[in-house]
Amino acid sequence: MDEKFPIPTTLRPIAYVRPVATSDLPDEIREQLPGVTRVYAIHHEEGEQLALVTDRTMAFVMARQNDYEPVSVH
């Protein structure tokens, strides 16, 4: 069988969403997150960090609102 399947593509750049332990963050950021143990980082496809949010769903929403196509990184 030699059928080709179309690969879905998007015109929007990719944003990677990954969990980050707050213990890995600088002190000045941890001080702003009392009681939070995990945040979600949103990264540009070239690796630049764009934002940190406390909720995974909000990370995906924020990426889409800023014309990125979010994907999860584990």
PDB file of N, CA and C in Angstrom:
ATOM      1  N   MET A   1       0.842  -1.164   0.000  1.00  0.00           N
ATOM      2  CA  MET A   1       0.000   0.000   0.000  1.00  0.00           C
ATOM      3  C   MET A   1       0.890   1.230   0.000  1.00  0.00           C
ATOM      4  N   ASP A   2       0.763   2.048  -1.008  1.00  0.00           N
ATOM      5  CA  ASP A   2       1.646   3.198  -1.157  1.00  0.00           C
ATOM      6  C   ASP A   2       0.848   4.500  -1.218  1.00  0.00           C
ATOM      7  N   GLU A   3      -0.142   4.612  -0.330  1.00  0.00           N
ATOM      8  CA  GLU A   3      -0.946   5.825  -0.302  1.00  0.00           C
ATOM      9  C   GLU A   3      -0.293   6.864   0.583  1.00  0.00           C
ATOM     10  N   LYS A   4      -0.396   8.101   0.176  1.00  0.00           N
ATOM     11  CA  LYS A   4       0.142   9.180   0.986  1.00  0.00           C
ATOM     12  C   LYS A   4      -0.980   9.802   1.791  1.00  0.00           C
ATOM     13  N   PHE A   5      -0.683  10.093   3.027  1.00  0.00           N
ATOM     14  CA  PHE A   5      -1.647  10.729   3.903  1.00  0.00           C
ATOM     15  C   PHE A   5      -1.247  12.177   4.080  1.00  0.00           C
ATOM     16  N   PRO A   6      -2.205  13.087   4.012  1.00  0.00           N
ATOM     17  CA  PRO A   6      -1.853  14.488   4.208  1.00  0.00           C
ATOM     18  C   PRO A   6      -1.432  14.742   5.656  1.00  0.00           C
ATOM     19  N   ILE A   7      -0.394  15.485   5.833  1.00  0.00           N
ATOM     20  CA  ILE A   7       0.081  15.856   7.156  1.00  0.00           C
ATOM     21  C   ILE A   7      -0.532  17.206   7.495  1.00  0.00           C
ATOM     22  N   PRO A   8      -1.281  17.265   8.592  1.00  0.00           N
ATOM     23  CA  PRO A   8      -1.887  18.545   8.932  1.00  0.00           C
ATOM     24  C   PRO A   8      -0.809  19.586   9.252  1.00  0.00           C
ATOM     25  N   THR A   9      -0.956  20.735   8.676  1.00  0.00           N
ATOM     26  CA  THR A   9      -0.006  21.810   8.947  1.00  0.00           C
ATOM     27  C   THR A   9      -0.781  23.035   9.386  1.00  0.00           C
ATOM     28  N   THR A  10      -0.089  23.910  10.026  1.00  0.00           N
ATOM     29  CA  THR A  10      -0.691  25.146  10.472  1.00  0.00           C
ATOM     30  C   THR A  10       0.202  26.294  10.039  1.00  0.00           C
ATOM     31  N   LEU A  11      -0.399  27.414   9.818  1.00  0.00           N
ATOM     32  CA  LEU A  11       0.373  28.586   9.442  1.00  0.00           C
ATOM     33  C   LEU A  11       0.889  29.320  10.672  1.00  0.00           C
ATOM     34  N   ARG A  12       0.385  28.925  11.833  1.00  0.00           N
ATOM     35  CA  ARG A  12       0.807  29.572  13.070  1.00  0.00           C
ATOM     36  C   ARG A  12       2.087  28.916  13.586  1.00  0.00           C
ATOM     37  N   PRO A  13       2.964  29.697  14.218  1.00  0.00           N
ATOM     38  CA  PRO A  13       4.167  29.102  14.815  1.00  0.00           C
ATOM     39  C   PRO A  13       3.789  28.235  16.018  1.00  0.00           C
ATOM     40  N   ILE A  14       4.631  27.293  16.325  1.00  0.00           N
ATOM     41  CA  ILE A  14       4.386  26.368  17.427  1.00  0.00           C
ATOM     42  C   ILE A  14       4.841  26.998  18.741  1.00  0.00           C
ATOM     43  N   ALA A  15       4.051  26.772  19.790  1.00  0.00           N
ATOM     44  CA  ALA A  15       4.436  27.133  21.161  1.00  0.00           C
ATOM     45  C   ALA A  15       4.443  25.840  21.963  1.00  0.00           C
ATOM     46  N   TYR A  16       5.541  25.593  22.640  1.00  0.00           N
ATOM     47  CA  TYR A  16       5.665  24.393  23.456  1.00  0.00           C
ATOM     48  C   TYR A  16       5.256  24.710  24.881  1.00  0.00           C
ATOM     49  N   VAL A  17       4.407  23.860  25.464  1.00  0.00           N
ATOM     50  CA  VAL A  17       3.944  24.020  26.834  1.00  0.00           C
ATOM     51  C   VAL A  17       4.522  22.879  27.649  1.00  0.00           C
ATOM     52  N   ARG A  18       5.249  23.239  28.708  1.00  0.00           N
ATOM     53  CA  ARG A  18       5.846  22.187  29.533  1.00  0.00           C
ATOM     54  C   ARG A  18       5.724  22.528  31.010  1.00  0.00           C
ATOM     55  N   PRO A  19       5.552  21.507  31.848  1.00  0.00           N
ATOM     56  CA  PRO A  19       5.483  21.747  33.292  1.00  0.00           C
ATOM     57  C   PRO A  19       6.873  22.064  33.836  1.00  0.00           C
ATOM     58  N   VAL A  20       6.899  22.955  34.829  1.00  0.00           N
ATOM     59  CA  VAL A  20       8.155  23.345  35.473  1.00  0.00           C
ATOM     60  C   VAL A  20       7.918  23.352  36.983  1.00  0.00           C
ATOM     61  N   ALA A  21       8.788  22.693  37.722  1.00  0.00           N
ATOM     62  CA  ALA A  21       8.702  22.733  39.186  1.00  0.00           C
ATOM     63  C   ALA A  21       9.119  24.124  39.650  1.00  0.00           C
ATOM     64  N   THR A  22       8.355  24.704  40.555  1.00  0.00           N
ATOM     65  CA  THR A  22       8.703  26.045  41.024  1.00  0.00           C
ATOM     66  C   THR A  22      10.049  26.057  41.737  1.00  0.00           C
ATOM     67  N   SER A  23      10.482  24.923  42.244  1.00  0.00           N
ATOM     68  CA  SER A  23      11.799  24.861  42.892  1.00  0.00           C
ATOM     69  C   SER A  23      12.935  25.101  41.898  1.00  0.00           C
ATOM     70  N   ASP A  24      12.653  24.967  40.609  1.00  0.00           N
ATOM     71  CA  ASP A  24      13.653  25.217  39.572  1.00  0.00           C
ATOM     72  C   ASP A  24      13.688  26.670  39.119  1.00  0.00           C
ATOM     73  N   LEU A  25      12.792  27.486  39.648  1.00  0.00           N
ATOM     74  CA  LEU A  25      12.702  28.889  39.240  1.00  0.00           C
ATOM     75  C   LEU A  25      13.560  29.776  40.132  1.00  0.00           C
ATOM     76  N   PRO A  26      13.931  30.949  39.647  1.00  0.00           N
ATOM     77  CA  PRO A  26      14.688  31.896  40.481  1.00  0.00           C
ATOM     78  C   PRO A  26      13.875  32.317  41.713  1.00  0.00           C
ATOM     79  N   ASP A  27      14.578  32.703  42.777  1.00  0.00           N
ATOM     80  CA  ASP A  27      13.941  33.082  44.034  1.00  0.00           C
ATOM     81  C   ASP A  27      12.884  34.172  43.862  1.00  0.00           C
ATOM     82  N   GLU A  28      13.184  35.194  43.062  1.00  0.00           N
ATOM     83  CA  GLU A  28      12.242  36.311  42.927  1.00  0.00           C
ATOM     84  C   GLU A  28      10.922  35.880  42.287  1.00  0.00           C
ATOM     85  N   ILE A  29      10.943  34.849  41.476  1.00  0.00           N
ATOM     86  CA  ILE A  29       9.696  34.342  40.883  1.00  0.00           C
ATOM     87  C   ILE A  29       8.975  33.451  41.888  1.00  0.00           C
ATOM     88  N   ARG A  30       9.733  32.600  42.588  1.00  0.00           N
ATOM     89  CA  ARG A  30       9.118  31.718  43.601  1.00  0.00           C
ATOM     90  C   ARG A  30       8.406  32.522  44.678  1.00  0.00           C
ATOM     91  N   GLU A  31       8.956  33.675  45.043  1.00  0.00           N
ATOM     92  CA  GLU A  31       8.336  34.515  46.071  1.00  0.00           C
ATOM     93  C   GLU A  31       6.952  34.998  45.650  1.00  0.00           C
ATOM     94  N   GLN A  32       6.710  35.085  44.360  1.00  0.00           N
ATOM     95  CA  GLN A  32       5.418  35.540  43.845  1.00  0.00           C
ATOM     96  C   GLN A  32       4.406  34.396  43.719  1.00  0.00           C
ATOM     97  N   LEU A  33       4.845  33.177  44.023  1.00  0.00           N
ATOM     98  CA  LEU A  33       3.997  31.995  43.848  1.00  0.00           C
ATOM     99  C   LEU A  33       3.886  31.189  45.140  1.00  0.00           C
ATOM    100  N   PRO A  34       3.434  31.793  46.241  1.00  0.00           N
ATOM    101  CA  PRO A  34       3.354  31.041  47.496  1.00  0.00           C
ATOM    102  C   PRO A  34       2.384  29.875  47.391  1.00  0.00           C
ATOM    103  N   GLY A  35       2.835  28.708  47.810  1.00  0.00           N
ATOM    104  CA  GLY A  35       1.988  27.522  47.798  1.00  0.00           C
ATOM    105  C   GLY A  35       1.899  26.814  46.453  1.00  0.00           C
ATOM    106  N   VAL A  36       2.500  27.362  45.409  1.00  0.00           N
ATOM    107  CA  VAL A  36       2.449  26.747  44.077  1.00  0.00           C
ATOM    108  C   VAL A  36       3.683  25.863  43.907  1.00  0.00           C
ATOM    109  N   THR A  37       3.475  24.625  43.472  1.00  0.00           N
ATOM    110  CA  THR A  37       4.604  23.707  43.291  1.00  0.00           C
ATOM    111  C   THR A  37       4.946  23.471  41.827  1.00  0.00           C
ATOM    112  N   ARG A  38       3.992  23.812  40.926  1.00  0.00           N
ATOM    113  CA  ARG A  38       4.228  23.591  39.500  1.00  0.00           C
ATOM    114  C   ARG A  38       3.603  24.733  38.700  1.00  0.00           C
ATOM    115  N   VAL A  39       4.326  25.169  37.694  1.00  0.00           N
ATOM    116  CA  VAL A  39       3.801  26.144  36.737  1.00  0.00           C
ATOM    117  C   VAL A  39       4.009  25.561  35.350  1.00  0.00           C
ATOM    118  N   TYR A  40       3.474  26.248  34.351  1.00  0.00           N
ATOM    119  CA  TYR A  40       3.623  25.794  32.976  1.00  0.00           C
ATOM    120  C   TYR A  40       4.314  26.885  32.172  1.00  0.00           C
ATOM    121  N   ALA A  41       5.389  26.504  31.526  1.00  0.00           N
ATOM    122  CA  ALA A  41       6.152  27.438  30.711  1.00  0.00           C
ATOM    123  C   ALA A  41       5.695  27.326  29.266  1.00  0.00           C
ATOM    124  N   ILE A  42       5.581  28.473  28.617  1.00  0.00           N
ATOM    125  CA  ILE A  42       5.249  28.522  27.199  1.00  0.00           C
ATOM    126  C   ILE A  42       6.502  28.997  26.483  1.00  0.00           C
ATOM    127  N   HIS A  43       6.976  28.182  25.541  1.00  0.00           N
ATOM    128  CA  HIS A  43       8.199  28.491  24.809  1.00  0.00           C
ATOM    129  C   HIS A  43       7.922  28.637  23.321  1.00  0.00           C
ATOM    130  N   HIS A  44       8.611  29.570  22.695  1.00  0.00           N
ATOM    131  CA  HIS A  44       8.578  29.735  21.249  1.00  0.00           C
ATOM    132  C   HIS A  44       9.260  28.516  20.632  1.00  0.00           C
ATOM    133  N   GLU A  45       8.977  28.222  19.396  1.00  0.00           N
ATOM    134  CA  GLU A  45       9.546  27.024  18.754  1.00  0.00           C
ATOM    135  C   GLU A  45      11.071  27.052  18.685  1.00  0.00           C
ATOM    136  N   GLU A  46      11.677  28.215  18.854  1.00  0.00           N
ATOM    137  CA  GLU A  46      13.140  28.297  18.877  1.00  0.00           C
ATOM    138  C   GLU A  46      13.705  28.219  20.290  1.00  0.00           C
ATOM    139  N   GLY A  47      12.831  28.031  21.298  1.00  0.00           N
ATOM    140  CA  GLY A  47      13.269  27.804  22.664  1.00  0.00           C
ATOM    141  C   GLY A  47      13.115  28.974  23.611  1.00  0.00           C
ATOM    142  N   GLU A  48      12.837  30.151  23.120  1.00  0.00           N
ATOM    143  CA  GLU A  48      12.701  31.314  23.987  1.00  0.00           C
ATOM    144  C   GLU A  48      11.448  31.190  24.854  1.00  0.00           C
ATOM    145  N   GLN A  49      11.615  31.413  26.161  1.00  0.00           N
ATOM    146  CA  GLN A  49      10.456  31.351  27.054  1.00  0.00           C
ATOM    147  C   GLN A  49       9.608  32.594  26.867  1.00  0.00           C
ATOM    148  N   LEU A  50       8.320  32.383  26.661  1.00  0.00           N
ATOM    149  CA  LEU A  50       7.396  33.488  26.426  1.00  0.00           C
ATOM    150  C   LEU A  50       6.599  33.853  27.676  1.00  0.00           C
ATOM    151  N   ALA A  51       6.239  32.845  28.481  1.00  0.00           N
ATOM    152  CA  ALA A  51       5.405  33.122  29.650  1.00  0.00           C
ATOM    153  C   ALA A  51       5.441  31.948  30.620  1.00  0.00           C
ATOM    154  N   LEU A  52       5.035  32.235  31.856  1.00  0.00           N
ATOM    155  CA  LEU A  52       4.799  31.226  32.876  1.00  0.00           C
ATOM    156  C   LEU A  52       3.379  31.423  33.387  1.00  0.00           C
ATOM    157  N   VAL A  53       2.632  30.330  33.492  1.00  0.00           N
ATOM    158  CA  VAL A  53       1.276  30.390  34.038  1.00  0.00           C
ATOM    159  C   VAL A  53       1.087  29.231  35.002  1.00  0.00           C
ATOM    160  N   THR A  54       0.122  29.359  35.904  1.00  0.00           N
ATOM    161  CA  THR A  54      -0.075  28.322  36.920  1.00  0.00           C
ATOM    162  C   THR A  54      -1.032  27.222  36.490  1.00  0.00           C
ATOM    163  N   ASP A  55      -1.675  27.379  35.337  1.00  0.00           N
ATOM    164  CA  ASP A  55      -2.672  26.412  34.899  1.00  0.00           C
ATOM    165  C   ASP A  55      -2.370  25.945  33.475  1.00  0.00           C
ATOM    166  N   ARG A  56      -2.370  24.632  33.264  1.00  0.00           N
ATOM    167  CA  ARG A  56      -2.047  24.078  31.944  1.00  0.00           C
ATOM    168  C   ARG A  56      -3.045  24.528  30.876  1.00  0.00           C
ATOM    169  N   THR A  57      -4.313  24.501  31.206  1.00  0.00           N
ATOM    170  CA  THR A  57      -5.325  24.929  30.241  1.00  0.00           C
ATOM    171  C   THR A  57      -5.109  26.383  29.853  1.00  0.00           C
ATOM    172  N   MET A  58      -4.798  27.219  30.843  1.00  0.00           N
ATOM    173  CA  MET A  58      -4.556  28.628  30.562  1.00  0.00           C
ATOM    174  C   MET A  58      -3.328  28.797  29.662  1.00  0.00           C
ATOM    175  N   ALA A  59      -2.337  27.953  29.804  1.00  0.00           N
ATOM    176  CA  ALA A  59      -1.158  28.021  28.937  1.00  0.00           C
ATOM    177  C   ALA A  59      -1.556  27.797  27.482  1.00  0.00           C
ATOM    178  N   PHE A  60      -2.420  26.822  27.237  1.00  0.00           N
ATOM    179  CA  PHE A  60      -2.870  26.552  25.871  1.00  0.00           C
ATOM    180  C   PHE A  60      -3.734  27.691  25.334  1.00  0.00           C
ATOM    181  N   VAL A  61      -4.610  28.208  26.184  1.00  0.00           N
ATOM    182  CA  VAL A  61      -5.467  29.327  25.775  1.00  0.00           C
ATOM    183  C   VAL A  61      -4.608  30.548  25.446  1.00  0.00           C
ATOM    184  N   MET A  62      -3.642  30.850  26.311  1.00  0.00           N
ATOM    185  CA  MET A  62      -2.785  32.010  26.095  1.00  0.00           C
ATOM    186  C   MET A  62      -1.987  31.879  24.794  1.00  0.00           C
ATOM    187  N   ALA A  63      -1.487  30.689  24.536  1.00  0.00           N
ATOM    188  CA  ALA A  63      -0.739  30.476  23.292  1.00  0.00           C
ATOM    189  C   ALA A  63      -1.635  30.727  22.076  1.00  0.00           C
ATOM    190  N   ARG A  64      -2.836  30.179  22.104  1.00  0.00           N
ATOM    191  CA  ARG A  64      -3.764  30.366  20.978  1.00  0.00           C
ATOM    192  C   ARG A  64      -4.180  31.819  20.813  1.00  0.00           C
ATOM    193  N   GLN A  65      -4.389  32.514  21.928  1.00  0.00           N
ATOM    194  CA  GLN A  65      -4.776  33.928  21.865  1.00  0.00           C
ATOM    195  C   GLN A  65      -3.676  34.786  21.246  1.00  0.00           C
ATOM    196  N   ASN A  66      -2.452  34.286  21.299  1.00  0.00           N
ATOM    197  CA  ASN A  66      -1.322  35.023  20.741  1.00  0.00           C
ATOM    198  C   ASN A  66      -0.853  34.427  19.419  1.00  0.00           C
ATOM    199  N   ASP A  67      -1.767  33.726  18.749  1.00  0.00           N
ATOM    200  CA  ASP A  67      -1.547  33.170  17.408  1.00  0.00           C
ATOM    201  C   ASP A  67      -0.443  32.127  17.331  1.00  0.00           C
ATOM    202  N   TYR A  68      -0.307  31.332  18.391  1.00  0.00           N
ATOM    203  CA  TYR A  68       0.602  30.187  18.374  1.00  0.00           C
ATOM    204  C   TYR A  68      -0.225  28.916  18.371  1.00  0.00           C
ATOM    205  N   GLU A  69       0.354  27.846  17.874  1.00  0.00           N
ATOM    206  CA  GLU A  69      -0.262  26.519  17.918  1.00  0.00           C
ATOM    207  C   GLU A  69       0.415  25.764  19.059  1.00  0.00           C
ATOM    208  N   PRO A  70      -0.268  25.612  20.210  1.00  0.00           N
ATOM    209  CA  PRO A  70       0.376  24.984  21.372  1.00  0.00           C
ATOM    210  C   PRO A  70       0.482  23.469  21.233  1.00  0.00           C
ATOM    211  N   VAL A  71       1.605  22.935  21.695  1.00  0.00           N
ATOM    212  CA  VAL A  71       1.796  21.487  21.799  1.00  0.00           C
ATOM    213  C   VAL A  71       2.411  21.203  23.165  1.00  0.00           C
ATOM    214  N   SER A  72       2.088  20.049  23.686  1.00  0.00           N
ATOM    215  CA  SER A  72       2.572  19.663  25.013  1.00  0.00           C
ATOM    216  C   SER A  72       3.944  19.017  24.902  1.00  0.00           C
ATOM    217  N   VAL A  73       4.799  19.363  25.846  1.00  0.00           N
ATOM    218  CA  VAL A  73       6.125  18.740  25.952  1.00  0.00           C
ATOM    219  C   VAL A  73       6.189  18.107  27.336  1.00  0.00           C
ATOM    220  N   HIS A  74       6.542  16.847  27.394  1.00  0.00           N
ATOM    221  CA  HIS A  74       6.566  16.138  28.686  1.00  0.00           C
ATOM    222  C   HIS A  74       7.956  16.050  29.206  1.00  0.00           C
TER     223      HIS A  74
END
